[in-house]
Amino acid sequence: MGLVSKQIETLTWRWQNTPPLGFIFDQWRWAIANHLHWLGNGLGRANSAARRLGKIELIEAFHAQILYEIGILGICALLILVTLLTIQTWQAYRSLSEGSWRQLGLCLWLFILLISFNPHYYPLAVDPVSVYYWFLAGVLLRLPDLAAQAPSQITPIPSSTLLSD
């Protein structure tokens, strides 16, 4: 129990010293106050992977990083894209009528929603989360067509065949 209580104390200490919302707002304030440009400062300029290519800044809040790297137009374009994708996948989910397809659609849509607007972590910039995001968005958009085809393609197996094995 000592290890668990120590981890809880560490979490509490971190939360009190840098609350998550305060941290995110500080990152936004810094990006807006110091480095706000229409087209940004260049891709890769806000993470350590590009440190050999020149001066970088380490920004840990995803949307503030995008604002710094690709500017006002880039962050607006990204937010419009993920918002439209979230709306389209919601409509695809709502068009499903059968129970199991609908449950699958809801799970996939919730994943799309949570990843699209996650303000702290870099879900759209790291593998495999970004790959899953785009793949599952495509699956969800195709789900109504798959659900419509599924009943006509299933052929029942005669019960006599099942019992003879």
Protein backbone atom coordinates (compact mmCIF):
# COMPACT_ATOMS: atom_id res chain seq x y z
CA MET A 1 0.00 0.00 0.00
CA GLY A 2 2.99 2.32 0.44
CA LEU A 3 3.55 2.50 -3.33
CA VAL A 4 -0.08 3.40 -4.04
CA SER A 5 -0.23 6.07 -1.34
CA LYS A 6 3.05 7.55 -2.60
CA GLN A 7 1.66 7.75 -6.14
CA ILE A 8 -1.52 9.42 -4.86
CA GLU A 9 0.57 11.96 -2.94
CA THR A 10 2.64 12.68 -6.07
CA LEU A 11 -0.51 13.14 -8.15
CA THR A 12 -2.03 15.45 -5.53
CA TRP A 13 1.18 17.48 -5.31
CA ARG A 14 1.37 17.87 -9.10
CA TRP A 15 -2.31 18.82 -9.31
CA GLN A 16 -1.96 21.48 -6.62
CA ASN A 17 1.23 22.99 -8.06
CA THR A 18 0.08 23.03 -11.69
CA PRO A 19 -3.66 22.49 -12.11
CA PRO A 20 -4.40 21.07 -15.60
CA LEU A 21 -6.70 23.90 -16.68
CA GLY A 22 -4.28 26.54 -15.44
CA PHE A 23 -1.46 24.79 -17.28
CA ILE A 24 -3.41 24.72 -20.55
CA PHE A 25 -4.42 28.38 -20.24
CA ASP A 26 -0.81 29.37 -19.47
CA GLN A 27 0.37 27.58 -22.60
CA TRP A 28 -2.28 29.40 -24.68
CA ARG A 29 -1.43 32.76 -23.13
CA TRP A 30 2.25 32.29 -23.86
CA ALA A 31 1.62 31.26 -27.50
CA ILE A 32 -0.75 34.17 -28.10
CA ALA A 33 1.31 36.83 -26.31
CA ASN A 34 4.72 35.99 -27.77
CA HIS A 35 4.41 34.16 -31.04
CA LEU A 36 1.06 34.73 -32.72
CA HIS A 37 1.33 34.81 -36.51
CA TRP A 38 -1.22 34.15 -39.23
CA LEU A 39 0.77 31.25 -40.65
CA GLY A 40 2.66 30.20 -37.52
CA ASN A 41 6.32 29.55 -36.91
CA GLY A 42 6.69 26.30 -38.86
CA LEU A 43 5.87 22.66 -38.34
CA GLY A 44 7.94 20.89 -35.74
CA ARG A 45 9.03 24.10 -34.04
CA ALA A 46 7.20 23.26 -30.81
CA ASN A 47 8.61 19.85 -29.96
CA SER A 48 11.97 18.33 -29.21
CA ALA A 49 12.12 16.23 -32.39
CA ALA A 50 13.24 19.31 -34.37
CA ARG A 51 15.85 20.53 -31.88
CA ARG A 52 18.74 19.80 -34.30
CA LEU A 53 17.16 21.98 -36.97
CA GLY A 54 17.19 25.21 -35.00
CA LYS A 55 15.62 26.96 -32.04
CA ILE A 56 12.50 25.24 -30.73
CA GLU A 57 9.94 25.86 -28.01
CA LEU A 58 8.48 23.03 -25.95
CA ILE A 59 4.72 23.44 -25.79
CA GLU A 60 2.83 20.65 -24.07
CA ALA A 61 -0.80 21.61 -24.73
CA PHE A 62 -1.85 20.31 -28.15
CA HIS A 63 -3.95 23.20 -29.42
CA ALA A 64 -1.44 25.79 -28.18
CA GLN A 65 1.26 23.84 -30.00
CA ILE A 66 -0.78 23.86 -33.21
CA LEU A 67 -1.41 27.60 -32.80
CA TYR A 68 2.34 28.20 -32.41
CA GLU A 69 3.34 25.94 -35.31
CA ILE A 70 0.73 26.67 -37.98
CA GLY A 71 -0.80 29.91 -36.76
CA ILE A 72 -4.32 31.28 -36.56
CA LEU A 73 -5.35 29.99 -39.98
CA GLY A 74 -3.98 26.53 -39.23
CA ILE A 75 -5.71 26.15 -35.86
CA CYS A 76 -8.98 27.38 -37.37
CA ALA A 77 -8.64 24.91 -40.25
CA LEU A 78 -7.87 22.03 -37.87
CA LEU A 79 -10.79 22.84 -35.57
CA ILE A 80 -13.17 23.17 -38.54
CA LEU A 81 -11.94 19.83 -39.92
CA VAL A 82 -12.35 17.87 -36.69
CA THR A 83 -15.68 19.55 -35.95
CA LEU A 84 -17.06 18.64 -39.38
CA LEU A 85 -15.72 15.10 -39.01
CA THR A 86 -17.34 14.80 -35.58
CA ILE A 87 -20.68 16.03 -36.98
CA GLN A 88 -20.48 13.68 -39.98
CA THR A 89 -19.67 10.68 -37.79
CA TRP A 90 -22.52 11.65 -35.42
CA GLN A 91 -24.91 11.65 -38.38
CA ALA A 92 -23.57 8.27 -39.50
CA TYR A 93 -24.13 6.89 -35.99
CA ARG A 94 -27.66 8.33 -35.82
CA SER A 95 -28.57 6.71 -39.15
CA LEU A 96 -27.95 3.23 -37.74
CA SER A 97 -31.13 1.48 -36.65
CA GLU A 98 -30.14 -2.02 -35.54
CA GLY A 99 -28.96 -2.41 -31.92
CA SER A 100 -25.50 -3.95 -32.23
CA TRP A 101 -24.49 -1.69 -35.14
CA ARG A 102 -25.78 1.29 -33.19
CA GLN A 103 -23.74 0.34 -30.10
CA LEU A 104 -20.60 -0.03 -32.20
CA GLY A 105 -21.32 3.31 -33.86
CA LEU A 106 -21.72 5.03 -30.49
CA CYS A 107 -18.40 3.63 -29.20
CA LEU A 108 -16.59 4.75 -32.34
CA TRP A 109 -18.23 8.18 -32.25
CA LEU A 110 -17.26 8.72 -28.61
CA PHE A 111 -13.66 7.89 -29.50
CA ILE A 112 -13.77 10.42 -32.37
CA LEU A 113 -15.31 13.08 -30.11
CA LEU A 114 -12.83 12.64 -27.27
CA ILE A 115 -9.77 12.60 -29.52
CA SER A 116 -10.97 15.54 -31.65
CA PHE A 117 -11.23 17.99 -28.78
CA ASN A 118 -8.67 16.70 -26.25
CA PRO A 119 -6.92 19.91 -25.12
CA HIS A 120 -4.01 18.49 -23.14
CA TYR A 121 -2.46 15.48 -24.84
CA TYR A 122 -1.26 15.22 -28.48
CA PRO A 123 -3.71 12.56 -29.72
CA LEU A 124 -3.71 13.67 -33.35
CA ALA A 125 0.06 13.92 -33.48
CA VAL A 126 1.22 10.57 -32.05
CA ASP A 127 1.07 7.05 -33.37
CA PRO A 128 -0.91 4.85 -33.01
CA VAL A 129 -3.70 7.11 -31.73
CA SER A 130 -3.75 9.30 -34.83
CA VAL A 131 -3.83 6.24 -37.09
CA TYR A 132 -6.72 4.74 -35.11
CA TYR A 133 -8.53 8.08 -35.20
CA TRP A 134 -8.55 8.40 -38.99
CA PHE A 135 -9.13 4.69 -39.56
CA LEU A 136 -12.07 4.48 -37.14
CA ALA A 137 -13.57 7.71 -38.52
CA GLY A 138 -13.58 6.05 -41.94
CA VAL A 139 -15.10 2.87 -40.51
CA LEU A 140 -17.84 4.86 -38.78
CA LEU A 141 -18.63 6.81 -41.93
CA ARG A 142 -18.95 3.50 -43.81
CA LEU A 143 -20.92 1.73 -41.05
CA PRO A 144 -24.43 2.63 -42.32
CA ASP A 145 -23.63 1.00 -45.68
CA LEU A 146 -22.19 -2.07 -43.97
CA ALA A 147 -25.22 -2.35 -41.70
CA ALA A 148 -27.58 -2.14 -44.69
CA GLN A 149 -25.73 -4.92 -46.53
CA ALA A 150 -25.20 -7.25 -43.57
CA PRO A 151 -28.63 -8.93 -43.25
CA SER A 152 -28.87 -9.78 -46.96
CA GLN A 153 -25.44 -11.45 -47.00
CA ILE A 154 -25.96 -13.72 -44.00
CA THR A 155 -27.17 -17.18 -45.00
CA PRO A 156 -28.38 -19.37 -42.17
CA ILE A 157 -26.65 -22.71 -41.65
CA PRO A 158 -29.15 -25.58 -41.64
CA SER A 159 -29.52 -27.05 -38.17
CA SER A 160 -29.06 -30.60 -39.52
CA THR A 161 -25.51 -29.66 -40.60
CA LEU A 162 -24.67 -28.35 -37.14
CA LEU A 163 -25.94 -31.49 -35.39
CA SER A 164 -24.21 -33.96 -37.72
CA ASP A 165 -20.69 -32.72 -36.83
